[in-house]
Every structure is written in C-alpha cells, then in structure tokens.
C-alpha cells in the first residue's frame, strides 16, 4: 500500500467514525444560484435538514449572516446542546471569484483552510439550499443544509430541494431533521 492509500484509508476511518457522508469519486460541480445577492441573504436562517457531520451535534440550529466588511460576510452558527447549553461559532465567508458570488468560502479558524459554501438555490425570503464538498483523492466528503427563514418549511419546498440534491448524487436518505420546536428551542431566543 502506498502512502496516499494509507493516508486516505486513515482519513476515511476518522471521517466515517464521525458520521460524515463520504462518497466515491470527485466532488460534483452543481449549478449555483444565479445572480446571487449576498445582501439579500443576510439575516437568520433555521436549519431544517442537513447531512450528518461531526461539528454540528445539537438541535435548534441557526446560521446568522451579517455584513462584516465589503465582500466579507460574518457567520454566526448556534445550536442547543443536549445538556441545555448553547454552542456557537463565528467565522467569515467570501466569494473567491466575484463573478461567482454564490460560491463562497467559509472559514471558522485562523489557520484552517476555508471550506466551500455554495448556495445552490434560494429565494432569500423562505428557503436556502447550501452544498459543500471536499475532494479526498478518490473519495469526497459532502455537506448539505436545507434552511428556512422560519423554524418550519412547507413539505413541497423541502421535497423540491431534496430533489435538487438528489440530482447531483447527494444521498438524501442520510439527511437529518433539526428539531426547531418553539418550546424545546426557547433557550435559543432568550
């Protein structure tokens, strides 16, 4: 076994143990939101469904976007953990290429490489579909979020967005629903 195979196998084992969604082959290159307007995207979004990953373990998850500086969007992700504490992380996002403003790169840690954050579809007022994928040699790890401006989403909208994910090969059967119940999530709004 060569070094790349050993490293890939070790990385695969770590990611699999952390419930990441790992797929064979390279990342797909889906179409993104045309004429994306980051200013209209600002504000709070509720997590409705997402692919599993190690860095989001709670419920009542929200993402709040704000203008940090020209071309830089501030990101604040919050969630309610099982022990009742609120976990949050701040970062920033920006488009690498101004001609493709829906293809953002998000960073939460100073020395960590940024991750893709591609807005595949949004109407700015009701729903957003976000996809992220990183190539790992002969495999790729992917993330997806279906978000809403409200804690709920109409079933037909949810199914349409899942159809978009499915069309690019995302395993929609792996999507997890986020609990956004108003009573359960009340600590998030205090």
N, C-alpha and C. Protein backbone atom coordinates (compact mmCIF):
# COMPACT_ATOMS: atom_id res chain seq x y z
N UNK A 1 0.85 -1.18 0.00
CA UNK A 1 0.00 0.00 0.00
C UNK A 1 0.89 1.23 0.00
N UNK A 2 0.60 2.18 -0.90
CA UNK A 2 1.43 3.38 -0.92
C UNK A 2 0.95 4.39 0.12
N UNK A 3 1.72 5.42 0.32
CA UNK A 3 1.43 6.40 1.38
C UNK A 3 0.08 7.08 1.19
N UNK A 4 -0.26 7.41 -0.04
CA UNK A 4 -1.54 8.08 -0.29
C UNK A 4 -2.71 7.17 0.08
N UNK A 5 -2.61 5.89 -0.23
CA UNK A 5 -3.67 4.96 0.12
C UNK A 5 -3.79 4.82 1.64
N UNK A 6 -2.68 4.77 2.33
CA UNK A 6 -2.69 4.65 3.79
C UNK A 6 -3.32 5.91 4.40
N UNK A 7 -2.90 7.07 3.94
CA UNK A 7 -3.45 8.33 4.46
C UNK A 7 -4.95 8.41 4.16
N UNK A 8 -5.34 8.06 2.93
CA UNK A 8 -6.76 8.09 2.56
C UNK A 8 -7.57 7.14 3.42
N UNK A 9 -7.05 5.95 3.66
CA UNK A 9 -7.76 4.97 4.49
C UNK A 9 -7.88 5.46 5.93
N UNK A 10 -6.82 6.05 6.46
CA UNK A 10 -6.87 6.59 7.82
C UNK A 10 -7.87 7.72 7.92
N UNK A 11 -7.84 8.64 6.93
CA UNK A 11 -8.77 9.76 6.93
C UNK A 11 -10.21 9.27 6.79
N UNK A 12 -10.42 8.30 5.92
CA UNK A 12 -11.74 7.71 5.74
C UNK A 12 -12.25 7.11 7.04
N UNK A 13 -11.39 6.43 7.77
CA UNK A 13 -11.78 5.82 9.04
C UNK A 13 -12.20 6.88 10.05
N UNK A 14 -11.43 7.95 10.14
CA UNK A 14 -11.75 9.04 11.07
C UNK A 14 -13.08 9.69 10.68
N UNK A 15 -13.24 10.01 9.39
CA UNK A 15 -14.47 10.65 8.94
C UNK A 15 -15.68 9.73 9.14
N UNK A 16 -15.54 8.47 8.83
CA UNK A 16 -16.64 7.53 8.99
C UNK A 16 -17.04 7.42 10.46
N UNK A 17 -16.07 7.43 11.33
CA UNK A 17 -16.36 7.34 12.77
C UNK A 17 -17.10 8.58 13.25
N UNK A 18 -16.93 9.70 12.56
CA UNK A 18 -17.60 10.94 12.93
C UNK A 18 -18.87 11.18 12.13
N UNK A 19 -19.41 10.15 11.48
CA UNK A 19 -20.69 10.19 10.78
C UNK A 19 -20.71 11.15 9.59
N UNK A 20 -19.59 11.36 8.97
CA UNK A 20 -19.55 12.18 7.77
C UNK A 20 -20.13 11.38 6.60
N UNK A 21 -20.58 12.08 5.57
CA UNK A 21 -21.05 11.40 4.36
C UNK A 21 -19.90 11.40 3.36
N UNK A 22 -19.39 10.21 3.11
CA UNK A 22 -18.25 10.02 2.22
C UNK A 22 -18.72 9.26 1.00
N UNK A 23 -18.34 9.76 -0.16
CA UNK A 23 -18.78 9.15 -1.41
C UNK A 23 -17.57 8.87 -2.29
N UNK A 24 -17.69 7.89 -3.18
CA UNK A 24 -16.59 7.62 -4.11
C UNK A 24 -16.52 8.70 -5.19
N UNK A 25 -15.34 8.86 -5.74
CA UNK A 25 -15.15 9.81 -6.84
C UNK A 25 -14.91 11.22 -6.36
N UNK A 26 -14.86 12.12 -7.33
CA UNK A 26 -14.61 13.53 -7.03
C UNK A 26 -15.91 14.27 -6.79
N UNK A 27 -15.82 15.44 -6.21
CA UNK A 27 -17.00 16.26 -5.93
C UNK A 27 -17.74 16.61 -7.21
N UNK A 28 -19.08 16.60 -7.16
CA UNK A 28 -19.84 17.09 -8.30
C UNK A 28 -19.69 18.61 -8.39
N UNK A 29 -20.00 19.16 -9.52
CA UNK A 29 -19.92 20.61 -9.74
C UNK A 29 -21.32 21.13 -10.09
N UNK A 30 -22.20 21.22 -9.09
CA UNK A 30 -23.57 21.63 -9.37
C UNK A 30 -23.69 23.10 -9.74
N UNK A 31 -24.78 23.42 -10.42
CA UNK A 31 -25.09 24.83 -10.71
C UNK A 31 -25.42 25.51 -9.39
N UNK A 32 -25.09 26.78 -9.31
CA UNK A 32 -25.38 27.56 -8.10
C UNK A 32 -26.41 28.65 -8.44
N UNK A 33 -26.86 29.33 -7.41
CA UNK A 33 -27.85 30.39 -7.56
C UNK A 33 -27.34 31.46 -8.52
N UNK A 34 -28.12 31.74 -9.54
CA UNK A 34 -27.73 32.79 -10.49
C UNK A 34 -27.93 34.15 -9.84
N UNK A 35 -27.06 35.09 -10.17
CA UNK A 35 -27.15 36.47 -9.69
C UNK A 35 -27.31 36.54 -8.17
N UNK A 36 -26.54 35.73 -7.47
CA UNK A 36 -26.64 35.69 -6.01
C UNK A 36 -26.35 37.06 -5.42
N UNK A 37 -27.22 37.48 -4.50
CA UNK A 37 -27.11 38.78 -3.85
C UNK A 37 -26.88 38.56 -2.35
N UNK A 38 -25.64 38.66 -1.92
CA UNK A 38 -25.29 38.39 -0.52
C UNK A 38 -26.05 39.31 0.43
N UNK A 39 -26.30 40.55 0.04
CA UNK A 39 -27.01 41.49 0.92
C UNK A 39 -28.42 40.99 1.23
N UNK A 40 -29.09 40.38 0.26
CA UNK A 40 -30.44 39.85 0.48
C UNK A 40 -30.40 38.56 1.30
N UNK A 41 -29.26 37.90 1.35
CA UNK A 41 -29.10 36.63 2.06
C UNK A 41 -28.84 36.84 3.55
N UNK A 42 -28.43 38.05 3.94
CA UNK A 42 -28.10 38.33 5.33
C UNK A 42 -29.30 38.08 6.24
N UNK A 43 -29.01 37.84 7.51
CA UNK A 43 -30.06 37.58 8.49
C UNK A 43 -29.97 36.16 9.00
N UNK A 44 -31.02 35.73 9.68
CA UNK A 44 -31.03 34.42 10.32
C UNK A 44 -31.75 33.38 9.46
N UNK A 45 -31.14 32.20 9.41
CA UNK A 45 -31.70 31.02 8.73
C UNK A 45 -31.77 29.89 9.73
N UNK A 46 -32.88 29.14 9.70
CA UNK A 46 -33.07 27.97 10.56
C UNK A 46 -32.70 26.71 9.80
N UNK A 47 -31.95 25.84 10.46
CA UNK A 47 -31.58 24.55 9.89
C UNK A 47 -32.82 23.66 9.91
N UNK A 48 -33.23 23.17 8.75
CA UNK A 48 -34.38 22.28 8.64
C UNK A 48 -33.89 20.84 8.50
N UNK A 49 -33.00 20.60 7.54
CA UNK A 49 -32.37 19.30 7.37
C UNK A 49 -30.92 19.51 6.95
N UNK A 50 -30.08 18.51 7.29
CA UNK A 50 -28.66 18.59 6.94
C UNK A 50 -28.09 17.18 6.84
N UNK A 51 -27.01 17.08 6.12
CA UNK A 51 -26.25 15.83 6.14
C UNK A 51 -25.51 15.77 7.47
N UNK A 52 -25.31 14.58 8.01
CA UNK A 52 -24.61 14.47 9.30
C UNK A 52 -23.14 14.86 9.19
N UNK A 53 -22.65 15.47 10.24
CA UNK A 53 -21.22 15.81 10.33
C UNK A 53 -20.85 16.01 11.79
N UNK A 54 -19.57 15.97 12.05
CA UNK A 54 -19.09 15.97 13.43
C UNK A 54 -19.17 17.32 14.12
N UNK A 55 -19.28 18.41 13.38
CA UNK A 55 -19.20 19.72 14.01
C UNK A 55 -20.56 20.33 14.34
N UNK A 56 -21.64 19.63 14.09
CA UNK A 56 -22.97 20.13 14.44
C UNK A 56 -23.70 18.99 15.13
N UNK A 57 -23.78 19.07 16.46
CA UNK A 57 -24.32 17.97 17.24
C UNK A 57 -25.62 18.30 17.95
N UNK A 58 -26.01 19.56 17.96
CA UNK A 58 -27.18 19.97 18.71
C UNK A 58 -28.44 20.08 17.86
N UNK A 59 -29.44 20.71 18.43
CA UNK A 59 -30.72 20.97 17.78
C UNK A 59 -30.93 22.48 17.75
N UNK A 60 -32.05 22.88 17.17
CA UNK A 60 -32.43 24.30 17.13
C UNK A 60 -31.37 25.14 16.41
N UNK A 61 -30.67 24.55 15.48
CA UNK A 61 -29.54 25.21 14.82
C UNK A 61 -29.97 26.37 13.95
N UNK A 62 -29.20 27.45 14.06
CA UNK A 62 -29.41 28.63 13.20
C UNK A 62 -28.07 29.10 12.66
N UNK A 63 -28.16 29.78 11.54
CA UNK A 63 -26.99 30.46 10.96
C UNK A 63 -27.41 31.90 10.73
N UNK A 64 -26.64 32.82 11.26
CA UNK A 64 -26.94 34.24 11.08
C UNK A 64 -25.79 34.88 10.32
N UNK A 65 -26.15 35.56 9.24
CA UNK A 65 -25.17 36.18 8.36
C UNK A 65 -25.29 37.70 8.47
N UNK A 66 -24.15 38.37 8.53
CA UNK A 66 -24.11 39.82 8.62
C UNK A 66 -22.98 40.34 7.75
N UNK A 67 -23.07 41.59 7.38
CA UNK A 67 -22.00 42.19 6.57
C UNK A 67 -20.88 42.62 7.50
N UNK A 68 -19.71 42.01 7.33
CA UNK A 68 -18.55 42.29 8.17
C UNK A 68 -17.76 43.47 7.59
N UNK A 69 -17.55 43.42 6.30
CA UNK A 69 -16.88 44.48 5.55
C UNK A 69 -17.22 44.24 4.08
N UNK A 70 -16.91 45.17 3.20
CA UNK A 70 -17.26 44.95 1.79
C UNK A 70 -16.71 43.60 1.28
N UNK A 71 -17.61 42.76 0.81
CA UNK A 71 -17.22 41.47 0.26
C UNK A 71 -17.02 40.37 1.28
N UNK A 72 -17.16 40.69 2.57
CA UNK A 72 -16.95 39.68 3.62
C UNK A 72 -18.22 39.58 4.47
N UNK A 73 -18.74 38.36 4.56
CA UNK A 73 -19.95 38.08 5.33
C UNK A 73 -19.56 37.43 6.65
N UNK A 74 -20.07 37.97 7.74
CA UNK A 74 -19.88 37.36 9.04
C UNK A 74 -20.84 36.19 9.21
N UNK A 75 -20.38 35.13 9.84
CA UNK A 75 -21.18 33.93 10.04
C UNK A 75 -21.23 33.62 11.53
N UNK A 76 -22.44 33.42 12.05
CA UNK A 76 -22.60 33.00 13.44
C UNK A 76 -23.53 31.79 13.44
N UNK A 77 -22.97 30.63 13.76
CA UNK A 77 -23.75 29.40 13.85
C UNK A 77 -24.01 29.10 15.32
N UNK A 78 -25.27 28.79 15.64
CA UNK A 78 -25.65 28.49 17.02
C UNK A 78 -26.48 27.21 17.06
N UNK A 79 -26.37 26.49 18.18
CA UNK A 79 -27.17 25.27 18.38
C UNK A 79 -27.35 25.05 19.87
N UNK A 80 -28.43 24.33 20.19
CA UNK A 80 -28.72 23.97 21.57
C UNK A 80 -28.26 22.54 21.79
N UNK A 81 -27.33 22.36 22.73
CA UNK A 81 -26.81 21.03 23.02
C UNK A 81 -27.74 20.29 23.98
N UNK A 82 -27.58 18.98 24.05
CA UNK A 82 -28.44 18.13 24.87
C UNK A 82 -28.42 18.52 26.35
N UNK A 83 -27.30 19.09 26.82
CA UNK A 83 -27.22 19.48 28.24
C UNK A 83 -27.82 20.86 28.51
N UNK A 84 -28.42 21.48 27.48
CA UNK A 84 -29.09 22.77 27.66
C UNK A 84 -28.21 23.98 27.38
N UNK A 85 -26.94 23.76 27.10
CA UNK A 85 -26.07 24.89 26.79
C UNK A 85 -26.16 25.24 25.31
N UNK A 86 -25.86 26.50 25.03
CA UNK A 86 -25.86 26.96 23.65
C UNK A 86 -24.43 26.99 23.16
N UNK A 87 -24.19 26.31 22.06
CA UNK A 87 -22.88 26.27 21.43
C UNK A 87 -22.92 27.22 20.23
N UNK A 88 -21.87 28.00 20.06
CA UNK A 88 -21.82 28.89 18.91
C UNK A 88 -20.40 28.98 18.37
N UNK A 89 -20.32 29.33 17.11
CA UNK A 89 -19.03 29.53 16.47
C UNK A 89 -19.19 30.65 15.45
N UNK A 90 -18.18 31.52 15.39
CA UNK A 90 -18.19 32.64 14.44
C UNK A 90 -17.13 32.44 13.38
N UNK A 91 -17.43 32.93 12.21
CA UNK A 91 -16.48 32.85 11.12
C UNK A 91 -16.78 33.92 10.08
N UNK A 92 -16.20 33.74 8.91
CA UNK A 92 -16.46 34.68 7.83
C UNK A 92 -16.48 33.92 6.51
N UNK A 93 -17.19 34.51 5.56
CA UNK A 93 -17.31 33.91 4.24
C UNK A 93 -17.11 34.98 3.19
N UNK A 94 -16.53 34.55 2.08
CA UNK A 94 -16.38 35.48 0.97
C UNK A 94 -16.28 34.69 -0.33
N UNK A 95 -16.65 35.33 -1.41
CA UNK A 95 -16.55 34.70 -2.73
C UNK A 95 -15.12 34.82 -3.21
N UNK A 96 -14.53 33.68 -3.60
CA UNK A 96 -13.17 33.72 -4.15
C UNK A 96 -13.15 34.47 -5.47
N UNK A 97 -14.20 34.25 -6.26
CA UNK A 97 -14.31 34.84 -7.58
C UNK A 97 -15.57 35.71 -7.61
N UNK A 98 -15.41 37.05 -7.69
CA UNK A 98 -16.58 37.94 -7.68
C UNK A 98 -17.59 37.65 -8.80
N UNK A 99 -17.15 36.97 -9.87
CA UNK A 99 -18.08 36.64 -10.95
C UNK A 99 -18.95 35.43 -10.58
N UNK A 100 -18.63 34.76 -9.48
CA UNK A 100 -19.42 33.63 -8.99
C UNK A 100 -19.75 33.85 -7.50
N UNK A 101 -20.59 34.84 -7.21
CA UNK A 101 -20.83 35.22 -5.81
C UNK A 101 -21.53 34.16 -4.96
N UNK A 102 -22.18 33.16 -5.58
CA UNK A 102 -22.84 32.11 -4.80
C UNK A 102 -21.87 31.01 -4.38
N UNK A 103 -20.64 31.06 -4.87
CA UNK A 103 -19.62 30.09 -4.48
C UNK A 103 -18.72 30.75 -3.44
N UNK A 104 -19.14 30.63 -2.20
CA UNK A 104 -18.41 31.23 -1.09
C UNK A 104 -17.42 30.25 -0.49
N UNK A 105 -16.46 30.79 0.21
CA UNK A 105 -15.53 30.01 1.03
C UNK A 105 -15.73 30.50 2.45
N UNK A 106 -15.94 29.57 3.37
CA UNK A 106 -16.19 29.93 4.76
C UNK A 106 -15.04 29.44 5.63
N UNK A 107 -14.68 30.25 6.60
CA UNK A 107 -13.58 29.91 7.49
C UNK A 107 -13.99 30.23 8.93
N UNK A 108 -13.71 29.28 9.83
CA UNK A 108 -14.03 29.48 11.24
C UNK A 108 -12.79 29.53 12.13
N UNK A 109 -11.67 29.07 11.60
CA UNK A 109 -10.44 29.03 12.38
C UNK A 109 -9.32 29.69 11.59
N UNK A 110 -8.52 30.47 12.25
CA UNK A 110 -7.49 31.29 11.59
C UNK A 110 -6.55 30.49 10.70
N UNK A 111 -6.10 29.34 11.15
CA UNK A 111 -5.08 28.62 10.38
C UNK A 111 -5.64 27.42 9.61
N UNK A 112 -6.95 27.26 9.63
CA UNK A 112 -7.57 26.15 8.89
C UNK A 112 -7.93 26.63 7.49
N UNK A 113 -7.83 25.76 6.51
CA UNK A 113 -8.22 26.16 5.17
C UNK A 113 -9.73 26.40 5.11
N UNK A 114 -10.17 27.36 4.29
CA UNK A 114 -11.60 27.61 4.18
C UNK A 114 -12.30 26.44 3.48
N UNK A 115 -13.59 26.31 3.76
CA UNK A 115 -14.39 25.25 3.15
C UNK A 115 -15.37 25.87 2.15
N UNK A 116 -15.70 25.13 1.11
CA UNK A 116 -16.69 25.64 0.16
C UNK A 116 -18.06 25.77 0.82
N UNK A 117 -18.77 26.80 0.46
CA UNK A 117 -20.15 27.06 0.90
C UNK A 117 -20.87 27.58 -0.33
N UNK A 118 -21.49 26.66 -1.04
CA UNK A 118 -22.14 27.02 -2.30
C UNK A 118 -23.64 27.12 -2.11
N UNK A 119 -24.20 28.28 -2.41
CA UNK A 119 -25.64 28.46 -2.36
C UNK A 119 -26.21 27.96 -3.69
N UNK A 120 -26.82 26.77 -3.65
CA UNK A 120 -27.36 26.19 -4.87
C UNK A 120 -28.67 26.86 -5.27
N UNK A 121 -29.46 27.23 -4.26
CA UNK A 121 -30.77 27.82 -4.56
C UNK A 121 -31.27 28.58 -3.34
N UNK A 122 -31.86 29.73 -3.58
CA UNK A 122 -32.52 30.50 -2.52
C UNK A 122 -33.52 31.45 -3.15
N UNK A 123 -34.58 31.74 -2.41
CA UNK A 123 -35.48 32.82 -2.81
C UNK A 123 -35.32 34.00 -1.85
N UNK A 124 -34.35 33.90 -0.94
CA UNK A 124 -33.95 34.92 0.04
C UNK A 124 -34.96 35.11 1.17
N UNK A 125 -36.24 34.84 0.93
CA UNK A 125 -37.29 35.10 1.92
C UNK A 125 -37.82 33.86 2.61
N UNK A 126 -37.60 32.68 2.01
CA UNK A 126 -38.19 31.47 2.56
C UNK A 126 -37.22 30.31 2.71
N UNK A 127 -36.43 30.03 1.69
CA UNK A 127 -35.58 28.83 1.72
C UNK A 127 -34.19 29.11 1.17
N UNK A 128 -33.27 28.23 1.58
CA UNK A 128 -31.91 28.25 1.06
C UNK A 128 -31.41 26.81 1.03
N UNK A 129 -30.71 26.47 -0.04
CA UNK A 129 -30.10 25.15 -0.19
C UNK A 129 -28.61 25.36 -0.37
N UNK A 130 -27.83 24.83 0.58
CA UNK A 130 -26.38 25.02 0.59
C UNK A 130 -25.69 23.67 0.47
N UNK A 131 -24.61 23.66 -0.32
CA UNK A 131 -23.85 22.44 -0.55
C UNK A 131 -22.37 22.73 -0.38
N UNK A 132 -21.66 21.77 0.20
CA UNK A 132 -20.22 21.88 0.37
C UNK A 132 -19.62 20.50 0.11
N UNK A 133 -18.50 20.49 -0.58
CA UNK A 133 -17.85 19.22 -0.89
C UNK A 133 -16.34 19.42 -0.94
N UNK A 134 -15.61 18.46 -0.41
CA UNK A 134 -14.16 18.50 -0.42
C UNK A 134 -13.64 17.17 -0.96
N UNK A 135 -12.77 17.26 -1.96
CA UNK A 135 -12.16 16.06 -2.54
C UNK A 135 -11.09 15.51 -1.61
N UNK A 136 -11.08 14.18 -1.49
CA UNK A 136 -10.08 13.47 -0.68
C UNK A 136 -9.46 12.36 -1.55
N UNK A 137 -8.82 12.75 -2.61
CA UNK A 137 -8.24 11.75 -3.51
C UNK A 137 -9.32 11.06 -4.32
N UNK A 138 -9.51 9.77 -4.08
CA UNK A 138 -10.50 9.00 -4.83
C UNK A 138 -11.89 9.06 -4.18
N UNK A 139 -12.01 9.81 -3.11
CA UNK A 139 -13.28 9.96 -2.39
C UNK A 139 -13.59 11.44 -2.22
N UNK A 140 -14.82 11.74 -1.81
CA UNK A 140 -15.14 13.10 -1.42
C UNK A 140 -16.07 13.07 -0.21
N UNK A 141 -15.99 14.11 0.60
CA UNK A 141 -16.88 14.25 1.75
C UNK A 141 -17.78 15.44 1.45
N UNK A 142 -19.10 15.24 1.69
CA UNK A 142 -20.02 16.31 1.35
C UNK A 142 -20.91 16.69 2.52
N UNK A 143 -21.38 17.91 2.46
CA UNK A 143 -22.23 18.51 3.46
C UNK A 143 -23.36 19.22 2.72
N UNK A 144 -24.52 19.24 3.30
CA UNK A 144 -25.64 19.96 2.70
C UNK A 144 -26.55 20.45 3.81
N UNK A 145 -27.13 21.62 3.59
CA UNK A 145 -28.08 22.19 4.54
C UNK A 145 -29.29 22.70 3.78
N UNK A 146 -30.46 22.35 4.27
CA UNK A 146 -31.70 22.93 3.79
C UNK A 146 -32.15 23.85 4.91
N UNK A 147 -32.28 25.14 4.60
CA UNK A 147 -32.57 26.13 5.62
C UNK A 147 -33.80 26.96 5.25
N UNK A 148 -34.39 27.55 6.28
CA UNK A 148 -35.59 28.34 6.10
C UNK A 148 -35.49 29.61 6.95
N UNK A 149 -36.19 30.64 6.54
CA UNK A 149 -36.26 31.86 7.36
C UNK A 149 -37.14 31.65 8.59
N UNK A 150 -37.96 30.60 8.56
CA UNK A 150 -38.84 30.25 9.67
C UNK A 150 -38.39 28.89 10.23
N UNK A 151 -38.82 28.54 11.43
CA UNK A 151 -38.43 27.25 12.00
C UNK A 151 -39.03 26.03 11.29
N UNK A 152 -39.94 26.26 10.37
CA UNK A 152 -40.55 25.17 9.61
C UNK A 152 -40.44 25.48 8.12
N UNK A 153 -40.75 24.46 7.32
CA UNK A 153 -40.72 24.62 5.86
C UNK A 153 -41.85 23.79 5.27
N UNK A 154 -42.56 24.34 4.28
CA UNK A 154 -43.60 23.54 3.62
C UNK A 154 -42.99 22.27 3.02
N UNK A 155 -43.72 21.16 3.16
CA UNK A 155 -43.24 19.86 2.68
C UNK A 155 -42.90 19.89 1.20
N UNK A 156 -43.68 20.59 0.38
CA UNK A 156 -43.41 20.61 -1.06
C UNK A 156 -42.10 21.32 -1.37
N UNK A 157 -41.77 22.37 -0.61
CA UNK A 157 -40.49 23.06 -0.79
C UNK A 157 -39.35 22.14 -0.38
N UNK A 158 -39.52 21.46 0.74
CA UNK A 158 -38.50 20.53 1.23
C UNK A 158 -38.25 19.44 0.20
N UNK A 159 -39.29 18.87 -0.36
CA UNK A 159 -39.14 17.81 -1.35
C UNK A 159 -38.46 18.32 -2.62
N UNK A 160 -38.78 19.53 -3.03
CA UNK A 160 -38.15 20.12 -4.21
C UNK A 160 -36.64 20.29 -4.00
N UNK A 161 -36.26 20.79 -2.82
CA UNK A 161 -34.84 20.99 -2.52
C UNK A 161 -34.11 19.65 -2.40
N UNK A 162 -34.75 18.67 -1.82
CA UNK A 162 -34.16 17.33 -1.75
C UNK A 162 -33.97 16.76 -3.15
N UNK A 163 -34.92 17.06 -4.05
CA UNK A 163 -34.79 16.63 -5.44
C UNK A 163 -33.57 17.24 -6.10
N UNK A 164 -33.29 18.50 -5.81
CA UNK A 164 -32.09 19.15 -6.35
C UNK A 164 -30.84 18.45 -5.85
N UNK A 165 -30.80 18.15 -4.56
CA UNK A 165 -29.64 17.45 -4.00
C UNK A 165 -29.49 16.06 -4.63
N UNK A 166 -30.58 15.36 -4.74
CA UNK A 166 -30.56 14.01 -5.32
C UNK A 166 -30.04 14.04 -6.75
N UNK A 167 -30.39 15.08 -7.49
CA UNK A 167 -29.97 15.17 -8.90
C UNK A 167 -28.46 15.31 -9.07
N UNK A 168 -27.76 15.73 -8.01
CA UNK A 168 -26.29 15.83 -8.10
C UNK A 168 -25.61 14.68 -7.36
N UNK A 169 -26.42 13.69 -6.96
CA UNK A 169 -25.84 12.49 -6.35
C UNK A 169 -25.77 12.49 -4.84
N UNK A 170 -26.37 13.48 -4.18
CA UNK A 170 -26.35 13.53 -2.71
C UNK A 170 -27.30 12.48 -2.18
N UNK A 171 -26.86 11.77 -1.16
CA UNK A 171 -27.69 10.73 -0.52
C UNK A 171 -28.71 11.40 0.40
N UNK A 172 -29.87 11.76 -0.15
CA UNK A 172 -30.88 12.46 0.65
C UNK A 172 -31.45 11.57 1.75
N UNK A 173 -31.28 10.25 1.63
CA UNK A 173 -31.73 9.36 2.70
C UNK A 173 -30.89 9.54 3.97
N UNK A 174 -29.76 10.22 3.85
CA UNK A 174 -28.88 10.47 5.01
C UNK A 174 -29.21 11.80 5.71
N UNK A 175 -30.10 12.61 5.13
CA UNK A 175 -30.42 13.91 5.73
C UNK A 175 -31.04 13.73 7.11
N UNK A 176 -30.61 14.58 8.04
CA UNK A 176 -31.14 14.59 9.40
C UNK A 176 -32.03 15.82 9.56
N UNK A 177 -33.15 15.66 10.24
CA UNK A 177 -34.03 16.80 10.52
C UNK A 177 -33.60 17.45 11.82
N UNK A 178 -33.63 18.77 11.83
CA UNK A 178 -33.28 19.52 13.03
C UNK A 178 -34.56 19.83 13.80
N UNK A 179 -34.51 19.63 15.11
CA UNK A 179 -35.64 19.97 15.96
C UNK A 179 -35.69 21.49 16.08
N UNK A 180 -36.76 22.10 15.61
CA UNK A 180 -36.95 23.55 15.73
C UNK A 180 -38.21 23.86 16.53
N UNK A 181 -38.66 22.92 17.36
CA UNK A 181 -39.85 23.12 18.18
C UNK A 181 -39.68 24.36 19.06
N UNK A 182 -40.68 25.24 19.07
CA UNK A 182 -40.56 26.53 19.76
C UNK A 182 -40.34 26.36 21.27
N UNK A 183 -40.98 25.37 21.89
CA UNK A 183 -40.80 25.16 23.33
C UNK A 183 -39.41 24.60 23.60
N UNK A 184 -39.03 23.56 22.87
CA UNK A 184 -37.72 22.95 23.05
C UNK A 184 -36.60 23.96 22.80
N UNK A 185 -36.77 24.82 21.80
CA UNK A 185 -35.72 25.77 21.40
C UNK A 185 -35.81 27.11 22.10
N UNK A 186 -36.68 27.25 23.09
CA UNK A 186 -36.90 28.56 23.73
C UNK A 186 -35.61 29.16 24.30
N UNK A 187 -34.68 28.35 24.77
CA UNK A 187 -33.43 28.86 25.33
C UNK A 187 -32.62 29.63 24.28
N UNK A 188 -32.82 29.31 23.01
CA UNK A 188 -32.08 29.98 21.93
C UNK A 188 -32.54 31.41 21.72
N UNK A 189 -33.73 31.74 22.23
CA UNK A 189 -34.32 33.06 21.96
C UNK A 189 -34.36 33.95 23.20
N UNK A 190 -33.60 33.61 24.23
CA UNK A 190 -33.58 34.41 25.46
C UNK A 190 -32.42 35.37 25.45
